[in-house]
Amino acid sequence: MADVHSIETRSRNMRAIGSRNTKPELYVRSLLHRSGFRFRIEPDYLPSKVDIYLPKYRVAVFVHGCFWHGHSDCHLFRLPGTRTEFWREKIASNTVRDERQSERLLEDGLRVLTVWECALKGKLRLTEEQLADALNAFMLGTEESSSIRGSAT
């Protein structure tokens, strides 16, 4: 299937996509703050770059876009029909980087929570109470890492 945009327009659109202060990140920060959790945004003193860090609980939070991080079995992830090999390699390298960053944080004694974009969209959108419950359950449990996913719609 051919792209609906010209090469220049597609290039401009892709360059405009930011990696910081995205809508999903802002939404998760808002939920955390309203729930009474205090956090740091992208602190530079951790062994890996994280989106949100809760120092009191030693929890690193990643807010992943389903497309950019290759969220399998997700309705928001579909490999593009053009330049498929490029995108497959790009998304695979992002996934490897994510795993490496999580491992570094776990080795440093931190817990890792991943919130996927699909959990923040649609009718079953993640609420303040659900995030607080998930974070509290995560903190009380024995797991070192956890993930909040959306529904499989």
N, C-alpha and C. Protein backbone atom coordinates (compact mmCIF):
# COMPACT_ATOMS: atom_id res chain seq x y z
N MET A 1 0.84 -1.18 0.00
CA MET A 1 0.00 0.00 0.00
C MET A 1 0.88 1.24 0.00
N ALA A 2 0.61 2.17 -0.86
CA ALA A 2 1.38 3.40 -0.97
C ALA A 2 1.04 4.34 0.19
N ASP A 3 2.01 5.11 0.58
CA ASP A 3 1.81 6.10 1.64
C ASP A 3 0.87 7.19 1.14
N VAL A 4 0.02 7.70 2.02
CA VAL A 4 -0.92 8.75 1.63
C VAL A 4 -0.27 10.13 1.62
N HIS A 5 0.96 10.23 2.15
CA HIS A 5 1.68 11.50 2.18
C HIS A 5 2.88 11.45 1.24
N SER A 6 3.32 12.61 0.84
CA SER A 6 4.55 12.68 0.05
C SER A 6 5.72 12.37 0.98
N ILE A 7 6.87 12.11 0.40
CA ILE A 7 8.06 11.78 1.20
C ILE A 7 8.42 12.93 2.13
N GLU A 8 8.33 14.17 1.63
CA GLU A 8 8.66 15.34 2.45
C GLU A 8 7.68 15.50 3.62
N THR A 9 6.38 15.32 3.33
CA THR A 9 5.37 15.46 4.38
C THR A 9 5.55 14.37 5.43
N ARG A 10 5.76 13.13 5.01
CA ARG A 10 5.95 12.03 5.96
C ARG A 10 7.20 12.28 6.81
N SER A 11 8.27 12.74 6.19
CA SER A 11 9.50 13.03 6.92
C SER A 11 9.27 14.12 7.96
N ARG A 12 8.55 15.17 7.59
CA ARG A 12 8.25 16.26 8.52
C ARG A 12 7.39 15.75 9.67
N ASN A 13 6.40 14.92 9.37
CA ASN A 13 5.54 14.36 10.41
C ASN A 13 6.32 13.50 11.40
N MET A 14 7.20 12.66 10.88
CA MET A 14 7.98 11.77 11.75
C MET A 14 8.97 12.55 12.61
N ARG A 15 9.56 13.61 12.04
CA ARG A 15 10.49 14.44 12.83
C ARG A 15 9.78 15.17 13.95
N ALA A 16 8.50 15.45 13.78
CA ALA A 16 7.76 16.22 14.77
C ALA A 16 7.36 15.39 15.99
N ILE A 17 7.49 14.08 15.90
CA ILE A 17 7.12 13.22 17.03
C ILE A 17 8.21 13.31 18.08
N GLY A 18 7.84 13.80 19.25
CA GLY A 18 8.81 13.99 20.33
C GLY A 18 8.97 12.74 21.17
N SER A 19 10.05 12.72 21.94
CA SER A 19 10.30 11.58 22.82
C SER A 19 10.14 11.97 24.29
N ARG A 20 9.92 13.25 24.55
CA ARG A 20 9.77 13.72 25.92
C ARG A 20 8.45 14.46 26.04
N ASN A 21 7.88 14.40 27.24
CA ASN A 21 6.64 15.10 27.55
C ASN A 21 5.52 14.76 26.57
N THR A 22 5.40 13.49 26.24
CA THR A 22 4.34 13.05 25.34
C THR A 22 3.01 13.05 26.10
N LYS A 23 1.90 13.01 25.38
CA LYS A 23 0.59 12.99 26.04
C LYS A 23 0.44 11.82 27.00
N PRO A 24 0.86 10.60 26.60
CA PRO A 24 0.76 9.50 27.57
C PRO A 24 1.58 9.75 28.84
N GLU A 25 2.79 10.30 28.70
CA GLU A 25 3.61 10.60 29.87
C GLU A 25 2.93 11.63 30.76
N LEU A 26 2.43 12.70 30.16
CA LEU A 26 1.76 13.74 30.93
C LEU A 26 0.54 13.19 31.65
N TYR A 27 -0.19 12.29 31.00
CA TYR A 27 -1.36 11.69 31.61
C TYR A 27 -0.96 10.84 32.83
N VAL A 28 0.07 10.02 32.68
CA VAL A 28 0.51 9.17 33.81
C VAL A 28 1.03 10.05 34.95
N ARG A 29 1.77 11.09 34.63
CA ARG A 29 2.25 12.01 35.68
C ARG A 29 1.09 12.64 36.43
N SER A 30 0.07 13.04 35.68
CA SER A 30 -1.10 13.65 36.30
C SER A 30 -1.80 12.67 37.23
N LEU A 31 -1.96 11.43 36.78
CA LEU A 31 -2.57 10.40 37.62
C LEU A 31 -1.75 10.15 38.88
N LEU A 32 -0.45 10.05 38.73
CA LEU A 32 0.42 9.81 39.88
C LEU A 32 0.33 10.96 40.88
N HIS A 33 0.39 12.18 40.38
CA HIS A 33 0.37 13.35 41.26
C HIS A 33 -0.96 13.45 42.01
N ARG A 34 -2.06 13.23 41.30
CA ARG A 34 -3.38 13.28 41.94
C ARG A 34 -3.55 12.18 42.97
N SER A 35 -2.85 11.07 42.79
CA SER A 35 -2.92 9.94 43.74
C SER A 35 -1.99 10.15 44.93
N GLY A 36 -1.24 11.21 44.93
CA GLY A 36 -0.36 11.50 46.06
C GLY A 36 1.05 10.99 45.92
N PHE A 37 1.40 10.41 44.78
CA PHE A 37 2.75 9.94 44.56
C PHE A 37 3.62 11.11 44.10
N ARG A 38 4.81 11.21 44.65
CA ARG A 38 5.73 12.24 44.22
C ARG A 38 6.86 11.58 43.44
N PHE A 39 7.33 12.27 42.43
CA PHE A 39 8.25 11.64 41.49
C PHE A 39 9.22 12.65 40.90
N ARG A 40 10.20 12.11 40.20
CA ARG A 40 11.16 12.91 39.43
C ARG A 40 10.97 12.56 37.97
N ILE A 41 11.19 13.54 37.10
CA ILE A 41 11.05 13.34 35.66
C ILE A 41 12.44 13.17 35.06
N GLU A 42 12.67 12.03 34.44
CA GLU A 42 13.92 11.72 33.75
C GLU A 42 15.18 12.12 34.55
N PRO A 43 15.33 11.60 35.76
CA PRO A 43 16.53 11.95 36.53
C PRO A 43 17.79 11.39 35.87
N ASP A 44 18.87 12.15 35.96
CA ASP A 44 20.10 11.72 35.28
C ASP A 44 21.01 10.89 36.18
N TYR A 45 20.63 10.64 37.42
CA TYR A 45 21.48 9.88 38.33
C TYR A 45 21.17 8.39 38.37
N LEU A 46 20.23 7.94 37.54
CA LEU A 46 19.92 6.51 37.45
C LEU A 46 20.79 5.85 36.38
N PRO A 47 20.98 4.53 36.45
CA PRO A 47 21.83 3.86 35.47
C PRO A 47 21.24 3.81 34.06
N SER A 48 19.94 4.10 33.91
CA SER A 48 19.29 4.13 32.60
C SER A 48 18.33 5.30 32.56
N LYS A 49 18.00 5.71 31.36
CA LYS A 49 17.04 6.81 31.20
C LYS A 49 15.63 6.27 31.42
N VAL A 50 14.91 6.86 32.37
CA VAL A 50 13.53 6.47 32.66
C VAL A 50 12.64 7.68 32.49
N ASP A 51 11.35 7.44 32.24
CA ASP A 51 10.42 8.55 32.06
C ASP A 51 10.06 9.19 33.39
N ILE A 52 9.77 8.36 34.39
CA ILE A 52 9.35 8.83 35.71
C ILE A 52 10.04 7.97 36.76
N TYR A 53 10.48 8.61 37.84
CA TYR A 53 11.12 7.87 38.92
C TYR A 53 10.47 8.26 40.24
N LEU A 54 10.04 7.26 41.02
CA LEU A 54 9.48 7.49 42.34
C LEU A 54 10.54 7.11 43.37
N PRO A 55 11.32 8.09 43.86
CA PRO A 55 12.45 7.78 44.73
C PRO A 55 12.06 7.12 46.05
N LYS A 56 10.93 7.51 46.62
CA LYS A 56 10.49 6.93 47.90
C LYS A 56 10.30 5.43 47.79
N TYR A 57 9.84 4.97 46.64
CA TYR A 57 9.55 3.55 46.44
C TYR A 57 10.61 2.85 45.60
N ARG A 58 11.58 3.61 45.10
CA ARG A 58 12.62 3.08 44.22
C ARG A 58 12.00 2.36 43.01
N VAL A 59 11.06 3.04 42.37
CA VAL A 59 10.36 2.51 41.20
C VAL A 59 10.65 3.39 40.00
N ALA A 60 11.11 2.76 38.93
CA ALA A 60 11.32 3.43 37.66
C ALA A 60 10.12 3.11 36.78
N VAL A 61 9.54 4.15 36.17
CA VAL A 61 8.35 3.97 35.35
C VAL A 61 8.69 4.34 33.90
N PHE A 62 8.39 3.41 33.00
CA PHE A 62 8.51 3.66 31.58
C PHE A 62 7.10 3.82 31.02
N VAL A 63 6.88 4.83 30.19
CA VAL A 63 5.62 4.98 29.49
C VAL A 63 5.94 4.74 28.02
N HIS A 64 5.54 3.57 27.53
CA HIS A 64 5.91 3.15 26.18
C HIS A 64 4.77 3.34 25.19
N GLY A 65 5.11 3.92 24.05
CA GLY A 65 4.19 3.96 22.93
C GLY A 65 4.16 2.58 22.29
N CYS A 66 2.97 2.10 22.00
CA CYS A 66 2.83 0.73 21.48
C CYS A 66 3.53 0.55 20.13
N PHE A 67 3.49 1.55 19.26
CA PHE A 67 4.16 1.42 17.97
C PHE A 67 5.68 1.43 18.14
N TRP A 68 6.20 2.43 18.79
CA TRP A 68 7.65 2.63 18.86
C TRP A 68 8.37 1.54 19.65
N HIS A 69 7.66 0.88 20.56
CA HIS A 69 8.30 -0.13 21.39
C HIS A 69 7.82 -1.54 21.06
N GLY A 70 7.10 -1.70 19.95
CA GLY A 70 6.73 -3.02 19.45
C GLY A 70 5.87 -3.83 20.39
N HIS A 71 4.79 -3.24 20.88
CA HIS A 71 3.91 -3.93 21.80
C HIS A 71 3.15 -5.03 21.08
N SER A 72 3.54 -6.26 21.32
CA SER A 72 2.93 -7.40 20.62
C SER A 72 1.49 -7.61 21.08
N ASP A 73 0.67 -8.13 20.20
CA ASP A 73 -0.75 -8.40 20.46
C ASP A 73 -1.51 -7.16 20.90
N CYS A 74 -1.18 -6.02 20.33
CA CYS A 74 -1.82 -4.76 20.68
C CYS A 74 -2.49 -4.18 19.43
N HIS A 75 -3.68 -3.64 19.63
CA HIS A 75 -4.40 -3.07 18.50
C HIS A 75 -3.77 -1.77 17.99
N LEU A 76 -2.88 -1.16 18.76
CA LEU A 76 -2.22 0.08 18.34
C LEU A 76 -0.91 -0.17 17.58
N PHE A 77 -0.46 -1.42 17.55
CA PHE A 77 0.79 -1.72 16.86
C PHE A 77 0.53 -2.47 15.56
N ARG A 78 1.01 -1.88 14.49
CA ARG A 78 0.96 -2.55 13.18
C ARG A 78 2.20 -2.10 12.42
N LEU A 79 2.94 -3.05 11.93
CA LEU A 79 4.14 -2.76 11.17
C LEU A 79 3.74 -2.05 9.87
N PRO A 80 4.38 -0.93 9.55
CA PRO A 80 4.02 -0.21 8.32
C PRO A 80 4.22 -1.06 7.07
N GLY A 81 3.45 -0.77 6.06
CA GLY A 81 3.53 -1.51 4.81
C GLY A 81 4.67 -1.07 3.92
N THR A 82 5.21 0.12 4.16
CA THR A 82 6.36 0.59 3.38
C THR A 82 7.60 0.57 4.26
N ARG A 83 8.73 0.30 3.65
CA ARG A 83 10.02 0.22 4.35
C ARG A 83 9.92 -0.73 5.55
N THR A 84 9.27 -1.85 5.32
CA THR A 84 8.99 -2.81 6.39
C THR A 84 10.26 -3.29 7.09
N GLU A 85 11.29 -3.59 6.33
CA GLU A 85 12.52 -4.10 6.94
C GLU A 85 13.16 -3.04 7.83
N PHE A 86 13.16 -1.78 7.40
CA PHE A 86 13.70 -0.69 8.23
C PHE A 86 12.96 -0.62 9.56
N TRP A 87 11.61 -0.63 9.50
CA TRP A 87 10.82 -0.51 10.72
C TRP A 87 10.97 -1.73 11.61
N ARG A 88 11.07 -2.90 11.02
CA ARG A 88 11.26 -4.12 11.81
C ARG A 88 12.57 -4.01 12.61
N GLU A 89 13.64 -3.59 11.95
CA GLU A 89 14.93 -3.43 12.63
C GLU A 89 14.89 -2.33 13.67
N LYS A 90 14.27 -1.20 13.33
CA LYS A 90 14.18 -0.07 14.25
C LYS A 90 13.43 -0.46 15.53
N ILE A 91 12.29 -1.09 15.37
CA ILE A 91 11.48 -1.47 16.53
C ILE A 91 12.16 -2.58 17.33
N ALA A 92 12.83 -3.50 16.64
CA ALA A 92 13.57 -4.55 17.34
C ALA A 92 14.70 -3.96 18.17
N SER A 93 15.40 -2.97 17.63
CA SER A 93 16.49 -2.34 18.39
C SER A 93 15.92 -1.57 19.59
N ASN A 94 14.75 -0.96 19.44
CA ASN A 94 14.12 -0.28 20.57
C ASN A 94 13.77 -1.29 21.67
N THR A 95 13.26 -2.44 21.28
CA THR A 95 12.88 -3.48 22.23
C THR A 95 14.11 -4.00 22.98
N VAL A 96 15.19 -4.22 22.26
CA VAL A 96 16.44 -4.68 22.89
C VAL A 96 16.95 -3.62 23.88
N ARG A 97 16.90 -2.36 23.47
CA ARG A 97 17.33 -1.27 24.34
C ARG A 97 16.47 -1.22 25.60
N ASP A 98 15.16 -1.39 25.46
CA ASP A 98 14.25 -1.38 26.61
C ASP A 98 14.61 -2.49 27.60
N GLU A 99 14.86 -3.68 27.08
CA GLU A 99 15.22 -4.81 27.94
C GLU A 99 16.54 -4.54 28.66
N ARG A 100 17.51 -3.99 27.94
CA ARG A 100 18.81 -3.68 28.53
C ARG A 100 18.66 -2.63 29.64
N GLN A 101 17.85 -1.61 29.40
CA GLN A 101 17.65 -0.57 30.42
C GLN A 101 16.97 -1.14 31.66
N SER A 102 15.96 -1.98 31.47
CA SER A 102 15.27 -2.60 32.60
C SER A 102 16.23 -3.47 33.41
N GLU A 103 17.07 -4.24 32.72
CA GLU A 103 18.03 -5.08 33.42
C GLU A 103 18.99 -4.26 34.27
N ARG A 104 19.47 -3.14 33.73
CA ARG A 104 20.38 -2.27 34.50
C ARG A 104 19.70 -1.76 35.77
N LEU A 105 18.44 -1.34 35.63
CA LEU A 105 17.71 -0.83 36.79
C LEU A 105 17.48 -1.93 37.82
N LEU A 106 17.12 -3.12 37.38
CA LEU A 106 16.90 -4.24 38.30
C LEU A 106 18.20 -4.61 39.02
N GLU A 107 19.31 -4.60 38.30
CA GLU A 107 20.61 -4.89 38.90
C GLU A 107 20.97 -3.86 39.98
N ASP A 108 20.46 -2.64 39.80
CA ASP A 108 20.73 -1.56 40.75
C ASP A 108 19.74 -1.58 41.92
N GLY A 109 18.85 -2.58 41.96
CA GLY A 109 17.93 -2.72 43.07
C GLY A 109 16.63 -1.94 42.93
N LEU A 110 16.35 -1.43 41.76
CA LEU A 110 15.11 -0.70 41.55
C LEU A 110 14.05 -1.64 40.99
N ARG A 111 12.80 -1.22 41.13
CA ARG A 111 11.69 -1.94 40.52
C ARG A 111 11.32 -1.20 39.25
N VAL A 112 10.79 -1.94 38.28
CA VAL A 112 10.49 -1.35 36.97
C VAL A 112 9.01 -1.57 36.65
N LEU A 113 8.32 -0.48 36.36
CA LEU A 113 6.92 -0.53 35.95
C LEU A 113 6.81 0.05 34.55
N THR A 114 6.19 -0.69 33.65
CA THR A 114 5.98 -0.23 32.28
C THR A 114 4.49 0.01 32.08
N VAL A 115 4.14 1.22 31.66
CA VAL A 115 2.76 1.56 31.33
C VAL A 115 2.70 1.70 29.81
N TRP A 116 1.86 0.89 29.18
CA TRP A 116 1.73 0.92 27.72
C TRP A 116 0.68 1.93 27.29
N GLU A 117 0.91 2.53 26.15
CA GLU A 117 0.01 3.54 25.59
C GLU A 117 -1.42 3.03 25.49
N CYS A 118 -1.61 1.75 25.15
CA CYS A 118 -2.95 1.19 24.97
C CYS A 118 -3.75 1.19 26.27
N ALA A 119 -3.08 1.24 27.43
CA ALA A 119 -3.78 1.30 28.71
C ALA A 119 -4.32 2.69 28.99
N LEU A 120 -3.90 3.66 28.19
CA LEU A 120 -4.26 5.05 28.43
C LEU A 120 -5.28 5.58 27.43
N LYS A 121 -5.74 4.72 26.55
CA LYS A 121 -6.67 5.16 25.49
C LYS A 121 -7.93 4.31 25.49
N GLY A 122 -8.96 4.85 24.90
CA GLY A 122 -10.19 4.09 24.69
C GLY A 122 -11.14 4.12 25.87
N LYS A 123 -12.17 3.29 25.79
CA LYS A 123 -13.21 3.25 26.82
C LYS A 123 -12.69 2.77 28.16
N LEU A 124 -11.75 1.84 28.14
CA LEU A 124 -11.22 1.28 29.38
C LEU A 124 -9.96 2.00 29.83
N ARG A 125 -9.92 3.30 29.61
CA ARG A 125 -8.76 4.14 29.93
C ARG A 125 -8.38 4.00 31.40
N LEU A 126 -7.10 3.89 31.65
CA LEU A 126 -6.56 3.76 32.99
C LEU A 126 -6.98 4.94 33.85
N THR A 127 -7.51 4.67 35.04
CA THR A 127 -7.95 5.74 35.93
C THR A 127 -6.92 5.94 37.05
N GLU A 128 -7.11 7.01 37.77
CA GLU A 128 -6.24 7.34 38.90
C GLU A 128 -6.23 6.20 39.92
N GLU A 129 -7.41 5.68 40.23
CA GLU A 129 -7.51 4.60 41.21
C GLU A 129 -6.84 3.32 40.71
N GLN A 130 -7.03 3.00 39.43
CA GLN A 130 -6.43 1.80 38.87
C GLN A 130 -4.91 1.88 38.90
N LEU A 131 -4.36 3.06 38.56
CA LEU A 131 -2.91 3.22 38.58
C LEU A 131 -2.39 3.12 40.01
N ALA A 132 -3.06 3.77 40.94
CA ALA A 132 -2.63 3.71 42.35
C ALA A 132 -2.72 2.27 42.86
N ASP A 133 -3.82 1.57 42.54
CA ASP A 133 -3.96 0.17 42.96
C ASP A 133 -2.87 -0.71 42.36
N ALA A 134 -2.60 -0.51 41.07
CA ALA A 134 -1.57 -1.30 40.39
C ALA A 134 -0.20 -1.03 41.01
N LEU A 135 0.08 0.24 41.28
CA LEU A 135 1.37 0.60 41.86
C LEU A 135 1.50 0.06 43.29
N ASN A 136 0.44 0.18 44.07
CA ASN A 136 0.46 -0.34 45.44
C ASN A 136 0.60 -1.86 45.45
N ALA A 137 -0.15 -2.55 44.59
CA ALA A 137 -0.04 -4.00 44.50
C ALA A 137 1.36 -4.41 44.05
N PHE A 138 1.88 -3.65 43.12
CA PHE A 138 3.23 -3.90 42.61
C PHE A 138 4.25 -3.73 43.73
N MET A 139 4.08 -2.69 44.55
CA MET A 139 5.02 -2.43 45.64
C MET A 139 4.92 -3.48 46.75
N LEU A 140 3.73 -3.99 47.00
CA LEU A 140 3.55 -4.98 48.06
C LEU A 140 3.93 -6.38 47.63
N GLY A 141 3.93 -6.63 46.34
CA GLY A 141 4.23 -7.95 45.81
C GLY A 141 5.71 -8.24 45.80
N THR A 142 6.02 -9.41 45.31
CA THR A 142 7.41 -9.83 45.25
C THR A 142 8.04 -9.62 43.89
N GLU A 143 7.24 -9.12 42.93
CA GLU A 143 7.75 -8.91 41.58
C GLU A 143 8.70 -7.72 41.55
N GLU A 144 9.70 -7.84 40.69
CA GLU A 144 10.64 -6.74 40.50
C GLU A 144 10.24 -5.87 39.33
N SER A 145 9.46 -6.42 38.41
CA SER A 145 9.00 -5.63 37.28
C SER A 145 7.56 -6.01 36.95
N SER A 146 6.85 -5.04 36.39
CA SER A 146 5.45 -5.24 36.08
C SER A 146 5.09 -4.40 34.88
N SER A 147 3.93 -4.66 34.32
CA SER A 147 3.49 -3.96 33.12
C SER A 147 2.00 -3.72 33.19
N ILE A 148 1.57 -2.53 32.78
CA ILE A 148 0.15 -2.21 32.70
C ILE A 148 -0.19 -2.12 31.23
N ARG A 149 -1.05 -3.03 30.79
CA ARG A 149 -1.44 -3.12 29.39
C ARG A 149 -2.90 -2.74 29.24
N GLY A 150 -3.25 -2.34 28.02
CA GLY A 150 -4.64 -2.05 27.70
C GLY A 150 -5.39 -3.32 27.36
N SER A 151 -6.66 -3.15 27.01
CA SER A 151 -7.47 -4.30 26.63
C SER A 151 -7.10 -4.74 25.23
N ALA A 152 -7.42 -5.93 24.87
CA ALA A 152 -7.08 -6.49 23.57
C ALA A 152 -8.20 -6.23 22.57
N THR A 153 -8.62 -4.96 22.44
CA THR A 153 -9.68 -4.63 21.50
C THR A 153 -9.10 -4.09 20.22
